[in-house]
Amino acid sequence: MSDASDLGNIIKGCKNGNADCFSQLVDIYAGRCYGYFYRLTGDRGLSDDLLGELFVRLVEKIGSFKGDYFESWLFKVASNIFNDYLRNKQRQKRLLDGQRKQLESAEQEDKNSSGEQIDKLQMVLGRLDANTREVIMLRFYSEMSFKEIAKMRSEPIGTTLAKVHRGLKKLRELMG
């Protein structure tokens, strides 16, 4: 990057939907943004996921950039993504804690084979990836509609339906 005018031209190209310009922005900022996420999380995989989310949001929100200092704007978006991740993690922890409490009370009430099934279900839920576990918890334990889940997660309803379907299929496989 030679100077600010080059960056300005790249950003202008991004606003016009030029894929090459987006690619240049990724090349310029991917390392720094990855480093930012990695220092916050200490997890390479999670940092990659957050970085991917950042560049998806960049494509979605580049039109809202008003020509101020781009790096400040970009890292504000990155900060928002990390804070969203933390909120989702807290929400998921609350859901899991609530489910654990329900399971513990159910276990006290019923020590027969159905209690063993609940224990197995809890163990198998823990083996699902966090994203799949979240949509299943939202659908069946929080009793949210598919439409509500899709809106909350800012994704098409078809994507939400597919994630729940795949998650239930995986649960059935793991429950044996």
C-alpha atoms as a PDB file:
ATOM      1  CA  MET A   1       0.000   0.000   0.000  1.00  0.00           C
ATOM      2  CA  SER A   2       1.717   3.149  -1.146  1.00  0.00           C
ATOM      3  CA  ASP A   3      -0.553   5.787   0.326  1.00  0.00           C
ATOM      4  CA  ALA A   4      -4.001   6.757   1.562  1.00  0.00           C
ATOM      5  CA  SER A   5      -5.238   7.622  -1.958  1.00  0.00           C
ATOM      6  CA  ASP A   6      -4.631   4.000  -3.034  1.00  0.00           C
ATOM      7  CA  LEU A   7      -6.698   2.811  -0.075  1.00  0.00           C
ATOM      8  CA  GLY A   8      -9.381   5.346  -0.961  1.00  0.00           C
ATOM      9  CA  ASN A   9      -9.531   3.971  -4.512  1.00  0.00           C
ATOM     10  CA  ILE A  10      -9.734   0.394  -3.211  1.00  0.00           C
ATOM     11  CA  ILE A  11     -12.580   1.331  -0.855  1.00  0.00           C
ATOM     12  CA  LYS A  12     -14.385   3.152  -3.660  1.00  0.00           C
ATOM     13  CA  GLY A  13     -14.059   0.007  -5.775  1.00  0.00           C
ATOM     14  CA  CYS A  14     -15.446  -2.080  -2.902  1.00  0.00           C
ATOM     15  CA  LYS A  15     -18.440   0.219  -2.613  1.00  0.00           C
ATOM     16  CA  ASN A  16     -19.042  -0.356  -6.326  1.00  0.00           C
ATOM     17  CA  GLY A  17     -18.927  -4.137  -5.796  1.00  0.00           C
ATOM     18  CA  ASN A  18     -15.512  -4.756  -7.354  1.00  0.00           C
ATOM     19  CA  ALA A  19     -14.379  -8.212  -6.145  1.00  0.00           C
ATOM     20  CA  ASP A  20     -10.714  -7.449  -6.885  1.00  0.00           C
ATOM     21  CA  CYS A  21     -10.875  -4.458  -4.554  1.00  0.00           C
ATOM     22  CA  PHE A  22     -12.366  -6.610  -1.787  1.00  0.00           C
ATOM     23  CA  SER A  23      -9.576  -9.104  -2.379  1.00  0.00           C
ATOM     24  CA  GLN A  24      -7.007  -6.304  -2.015  1.00  0.00           C
ATOM     25  CA  LEU A  25      -8.589  -5.205   1.294  1.00  0.00           C
ATOM     26  CA  VAL A  26      -8.424  -8.775   2.554  1.00  0.00           C
ATOM     27  CA  ASP A  27      -4.764  -8.990   1.530  1.00  0.00           C
ATOM     28  CA  ILE A  28      -3.974  -5.714   3.287  1.00  0.00           C
ATOM     29  CA  TYR A  29      -5.838  -6.317   6.556  1.00  0.00           C
ATOM     30  CA  ALA A  30      -6.214 -10.085   7.058  1.00  0.00           C
ATOM     31  CA  GLY A  31      -2.974 -10.496   9.013  1.00  0.00           C
ATOM     32  CA  ARG A  32      -3.614  -7.612  11.387  1.00  0.00           C
ATOM     33  CA  CYS A  33      -7.254  -8.533  11.955  1.00  0.00           C
ATOM     34  CA  TYR A  34      -6.373 -12.189  12.516  1.00  0.00           C
ATOM     35  CA  GLY A  35      -3.745 -11.081  15.046  1.00  0.00           C
ATOM     36  CA  TYR A  36      -6.347  -8.924  16.788  1.00  0.00           C
ATOM     37  CA  PHE A  37      -8.781 -11.837  17.088  1.00  0.00           C
ATOM     38  CA  TYR A  38      -6.054 -14.287  18.104  1.00  0.00           C
ATOM     39  CA  ARG A  39      -4.847 -12.014  20.910  1.00  0.00           C
ATOM     40  CA  LEU A  40      -8.434 -11.764  22.159  1.00  0.00           C
ATOM     41  CA  THR A  41      -9.262 -15.475  21.945  1.00  0.00           C
ATOM     42  CA  GLY A  42      -5.996 -17.405  22.005  1.00  0.00           C
ATOM     43  CA  ASP A  43      -7.724 -19.873  19.645  1.00  0.00           C
ATOM     44  CA  ARG A  44      -6.591 -20.214  16.029  1.00  0.00           C
ATOM     45  CA  GLY A  45      -9.784 -21.847  14.756  1.00  0.00           C
ATOM     46  CA  LEU A  46     -12.009 -19.304  16.443  1.00  0.00           C
ATOM     47  CA  SER A  47      -9.807 -16.487  15.151  1.00  0.00           C
ATOM     48  CA  ASP A  48     -10.207 -17.846  11.610  1.00  0.00           C
ATOM     49  CA  ASP A  49     -13.994 -17.981  12.069  1.00  0.00           C
ATOM     50  CA  LEU A  50     -14.140 -14.425  13.409  1.00  0.00           C
ATOM     51  CA  LEU A  51     -11.905 -13.200  10.586  1.00  0.00           C
ATOM     52  CA  GLY A  52     -14.204 -14.829   8.042  1.00  0.00           C
ATOM     53  CA  GLU A  53     -17.202 -13.176   9.696  1.00  0.00           C
ATOM     54  CA  LEU A  54     -15.377  -9.829   9.590  1.00  0.00           C
ATOM     55  CA  PHE A  55     -14.861  -9.991   5.852  1.00  0.00           C
ATOM     56  CA  VAL A  56     -18.453 -11.110   5.266  1.00  0.00           C
ATOM     57  CA  ARG A  57     -19.608  -8.087   7.280  1.00  0.00           C
ATOM     58  CA  LEU A  58     -17.168  -5.897   5.379  1.00  0.00           C
ATOM     59  CA  VAL A  59     -18.882  -6.860   2.119  1.00  0.00           C
ATOM     60  CA  GLU A  60     -22.300  -6.207   3.692  1.00  0.00           C
ATOM     61  CA  LYS A  61     -21.437  -2.919   5.407  1.00  0.00           C
ATOM     62  CA  ILE A  62     -18.808  -1.217   3.233  1.00  0.00           C
ATOM     63  CA  GLY A  63     -21.526   1.113   1.994  1.00  0.00           C
ATOM     64  CA  SER A  64     -21.882   2.557   5.502  1.00  0.00           C
ATOM     65  CA  PHE A  65     -18.224   3.657   5.563  1.00  0.00           C
ATOM     66  CA  LYS A  66     -18.315   7.440   5.204  1.00  0.00           C
ATOM     67  CA  GLY A  67     -14.709   8.196   4.375  1.00  0.00           C
ATOM     68  CA  ASP A  68     -13.371   8.617   7.897  1.00  0.00           C
ATOM     69  CA  TYR A  69     -10.302   6.721   9.002  1.00  0.00           C
ATOM     70  CA  PHE A  70     -10.852   3.253   7.488  1.00  0.00           C
ATOM     71  CA  GLU A  71      -8.783   1.263   9.975  1.00  0.00           C
ATOM     72  CA  SER A  72     -10.759   2.681  12.901  1.00  0.00           C
ATOM     73  CA  TRP A  73     -13.991   1.746  11.163  1.00  0.00           C
ATOM     74  CA  LEU A  74     -12.712  -1.737  10.276  1.00  0.00           C
ATOM     75  CA  PHE A  75     -11.528  -2.475  13.805  1.00  0.00           C
ATOM     76  CA  LYS A  76     -14.815  -1.152  15.205  1.00  0.00           C
ATOM     77  CA  VAL A  77     -16.598  -3.736  13.039  1.00  0.00           C
ATOM     78  CA  ALA A  78     -14.107  -6.375  14.273  1.00  0.00           C
ATOM     79  CA  SER A  79     -14.762  -5.325  17.864  1.00  0.00           C
ATOM     80  CA  ASN A  80     -18.515  -5.622  17.318  1.00  0.00           C
ATOM     81  CA  ILE A  81     -18.060  -9.121  15.890  1.00  0.00           C
ATOM     82  CA  PHE A  82     -15.995 -10.166  18.911  1.00  0.00           C
ATOM     83  CA  ASN A  83     -18.571  -8.692  21.298  1.00  0.00           C
ATOM     84  CA  ASP A  84     -21.344 -10.524  19.413  1.00  0.00           C
ATOM     85  CA  TYR A  85     -19.336 -13.717  19.840  1.00  0.00           C
ATOM     86  CA  LEU A  86     -19.014 -13.096  23.587  1.00  0.00           C
ATOM     87  CA  ARG A  87     -22.754 -12.393  23.931  1.00  0.00           C
ATOM     88  CA  ASN A  88     -23.590 -15.573  22.021  1.00  0.00           C
ATOM     89  CA  LYS A  89     -21.148 -17.525  24.163  1.00  0.00           C
ATOM     90  CA  GLN A  90     -22.766 -16.127  27.333  1.00  0.00           C
ATOM     91  CA  ARG A  91     -26.243 -16.929  25.984  1.00  0.00           C
ATOM     92  CA  GLN A  92     -25.148 -20.453  25.117  1.00  0.00           C
ATOM     93  CA  LYS A  93     -23.605 -20.901  28.570  1.00  0.00           C
ATOM     94  CA  ARG A  94     -26.859 -19.783  30.200  1.00  0.00           C
ATOM     95  CA  LEU A  95     -28.818 -22.192  28.014  1.00  0.00           C
ATOM     96  CA  LEU A  96     -26.464 -25.049  28.835  1.00  0.00           C
ATOM     97  CA  ASP A  97     -26.472 -24.197  32.545  1.00  0.00           C
ATOM     98  CA  GLY A  98     -30.267 -24.135  32.523  1.00  0.00           C
ATOM     99  CA  GLN A  99     -30.355 -27.440  30.683  1.00  0.00           C
ATOM    100  CA  ARG A 100     -27.837 -28.943  33.107  1.00  0.00           C
ATOM    101  CA  LYS A 101     -29.991 -27.856  36.054  1.00  0.00           C
ATOM    102  CA  GLN A 102     -33.068 -29.366  34.416  1.00  0.00           C
ATOM    103  CA  LEU A 103     -31.188 -32.576  33.787  1.00  0.00           C
ATOM    104  CA  GLU A 104     -29.907 -32.704  37.356  1.00  0.00           C
ATOM    105  CA  SER A 105     -33.410 -32.225  38.771  1.00  0.00           C
ATOM    106  CA  ALA A 106     -34.813 -34.786  36.342  1.00  0.00           C
ATOM    107  CA  GLU A 107     -32.061 -37.159  37.375  1.00  0.00           C
ATOM    108  CA  GLN A 108     -33.048 -36.806  41.020  1.00  0.00           C
ATOM    109  CA  GLU A 109     -36.683 -37.526  40.188  1.00  0.00           C
ATOM    110  CA  ASP A 110     -36.075 -40.460  37.916  1.00  0.00           C
ATOM    111  CA  LYS A 111     -33.090 -42.810  38.160  1.00  0.00           C
ATOM    112  CA  ASN A 112     -34.462 -45.309  35.652  1.00  0.00           C
ATOM    113  CA  SER A 113     -33.497 -45.795  32.005  1.00  0.00           C
ATOM    114  CA  SER A 114     -35.090 -42.524  30.899  1.00  0.00           C
ATOM    115  CA  GLY A 115     -32.691 -40.718  33.241  1.00  0.00           C
ATOM    116  CA  GLU A 116     -29.835 -42.572  31.577  1.00  0.00           C
ATOM    117  CA  GLN A 117     -31.125 -41.437  28.181  1.00  0.00           C
ATOM    118  CA  ILE A 118     -31.114 -37.816  29.373  1.00  0.00           C
ATOM    119  CA  ASP A 119     -27.530 -38.234  30.582  1.00  0.00           C
ATOM    120  CA  LYS A 120     -26.569 -39.703  27.236  1.00  0.00           C
ATOM    121  CA  LEU A 121     -28.359 -36.869  25.413  1.00  0.00           C
ATOM    122  CA  GLN A 122     -26.483 -34.271  27.466  1.00  0.00           C
ATOM    123  CA  MET A 123     -23.184 -35.988  26.719  1.00  0.00           C
ATOM    124  CA  VAL A 124     -23.980 -36.220  23.010  1.00  0.00           C
ATOM    125  CA  LEU A 125     -25.081 -32.567  22.886  1.00  0.00           C
ATOM    126  CA  GLY A 126     -21.658 -31.688  24.269  1.00  0.00           C
ATOM    127  CA  ARG A 127     -20.053 -33.472  21.323  1.00  0.00           C
ATOM    128  CA  LEU A 128     -21.825 -31.308  18.728  1.00  0.00           C
ATOM    129  CA  ASP A 129     -20.122 -28.192  17.434  1.00  0.00           C
ATOM    130  CA  ALA A 130     -21.131 -24.996  19.253  1.00  0.00           C
ATOM    131  CA  ASN A 131     -23.112 -23.586  16.315  1.00  0.00           C
ATOM    132  CA  THR A 132     -25.226 -26.740  15.908  1.00  0.00           C
ATOM    133  CA  ARG A 133     -25.732 -27.085  19.651  1.00  0.00           C
ATOM    134  CA  GLU A 134     -26.916 -23.469  19.817  1.00  0.00           C
ATOM    135  CA  VAL A 135     -29.597 -23.812  17.130  1.00  0.00           C
ATOM    136  CA  ILE A 136     -30.902 -27.032  18.695  1.00  0.00           C
ATOM    137  CA  MET A 137     -31.012 -25.427  22.142  1.00  0.00           C
ATOM    138  CA  LEU A 138     -32.795 -22.377  20.778  1.00  0.00           C
ATOM    139  CA  ARG A 139     -35.348 -24.475  18.908  1.00  0.00           C
ATOM    140  CA  PHE A 140     -36.149 -27.182  21.452  1.00  0.00           C
ATOM    141  CA  TYR A 141     -35.163 -25.854  24.861  1.00  0.00           C
ATOM    142  CA  SER A 142     -35.905 -22.163  24.385  1.00  0.00           C
ATOM    143  CA  GLU A 143     -38.887 -23.069  22.186  1.00  0.00           C
ATOM    144  CA  MET A 144     -38.089 -20.380  19.612  1.00  0.00           C
ATOM    145  CA  SER A 145     -39.603 -20.679  16.138  1.00  0.00           C
ATOM    146  CA  PHE A 146     -37.372 -21.223  13.134  1.00  0.00           C
ATOM    147  CA  LYS A 147     -38.272 -17.725  11.984  1.00  0.00           C
ATOM    148  CA  GLU A 148     -37.219 -16.221  15.344  1.00  0.00           C
ATOM    149  CA  ILE A 149     -33.941 -18.144  15.313  1.00  0.00           C
ATOM    150  CA  ALA A 150     -33.166 -17.093  11.737  1.00  0.00           C
ATOM    151  CA  LYS A 151     -33.890 -13.454  12.549  1.00  0.00           C
ATOM    152  CA  MET A 152     -31.789 -13.564  15.734  1.00  0.00           C
ATOM    153  CA  ARG A 153     -28.865 -15.145  13.869  1.00  0.00           C
ATOM    154  CA  SER A 154     -29.292 -12.857  10.812  1.00  0.00           C
ATOM    155  CA  GLU A 155     -29.462 -15.783   8.423  1.00  0.00           C
ATOM    156  CA  PRO A 156     -32.053 -17.050   5.939  1.00  0.00           C
ATOM    157  CA  ILE A 157     -34.718 -19.300   7.437  1.00  0.00           C
ATOM    158  CA  GLY A 158     -33.660 -22.084   5.052  1.00  0.00           C
ATOM    159  CA  THR A 159     -30.170 -22.013   6.538  1.00  0.00           C
ATOM    160  CA  THR A 160     -31.596 -22.280  10.038  1.00  0.00           C
ATOM    161  CA  LEU A 161     -33.874 -25.167   9.017  1.00  0.00           C
ATOM    162  CA  ALA A 162     -30.946 -26.983   7.427  1.00  0.00           C
ATOM    163  CA  LYS A 163     -28.742 -26.506  10.503  1.00  0.00           C
ATOM    164  CA  VAL A 164     -31.438 -27.861  12.837  1.00  0.00           C
ATOM    165  CA  HIS A 165     -32.124 -30.799  10.506  1.00  0.00           C
ATOM    166  CA  ARG A 166     -28.414 -31.689  10.234  1.00  0.00           C
ATOM    167  CA  GLY A 167     -28.006 -31.271  13.994  1.00  0.00           C
ATOM    168  CA  LEU A 168     -30.905 -33.609  14.764  1.00  0.00           C
ATOM    169  CA  LYS A 169     -29.574 -36.145  12.270  1.00  0.00           C
ATOM    170  CA  LYS A 170     -26.168 -36.014  13.949  1.00  0.00           C
ATOM    171  CA  LEU A 171     -27.816 -36.401  17.384  1.00  0.00           C
ATOM    172  CA  ARG A 172     -29.706 -39.493  16.205  1.00  0.00           C
ATOM    173  CA  GLU A 173     -26.464 -40.981  14.872  1.00  0.00           C
ATOM    174  CA  LEU A 174     -24.571 -40.297  18.086  1.00  0.00           C
ATOM    175  CA  MET A 175     -27.408 -41.581  20.309  1.00  0.00           C
ATOM    176  CA  GLY A 176     -27.189 -44.855  18.382  1.00  0.00           C
END
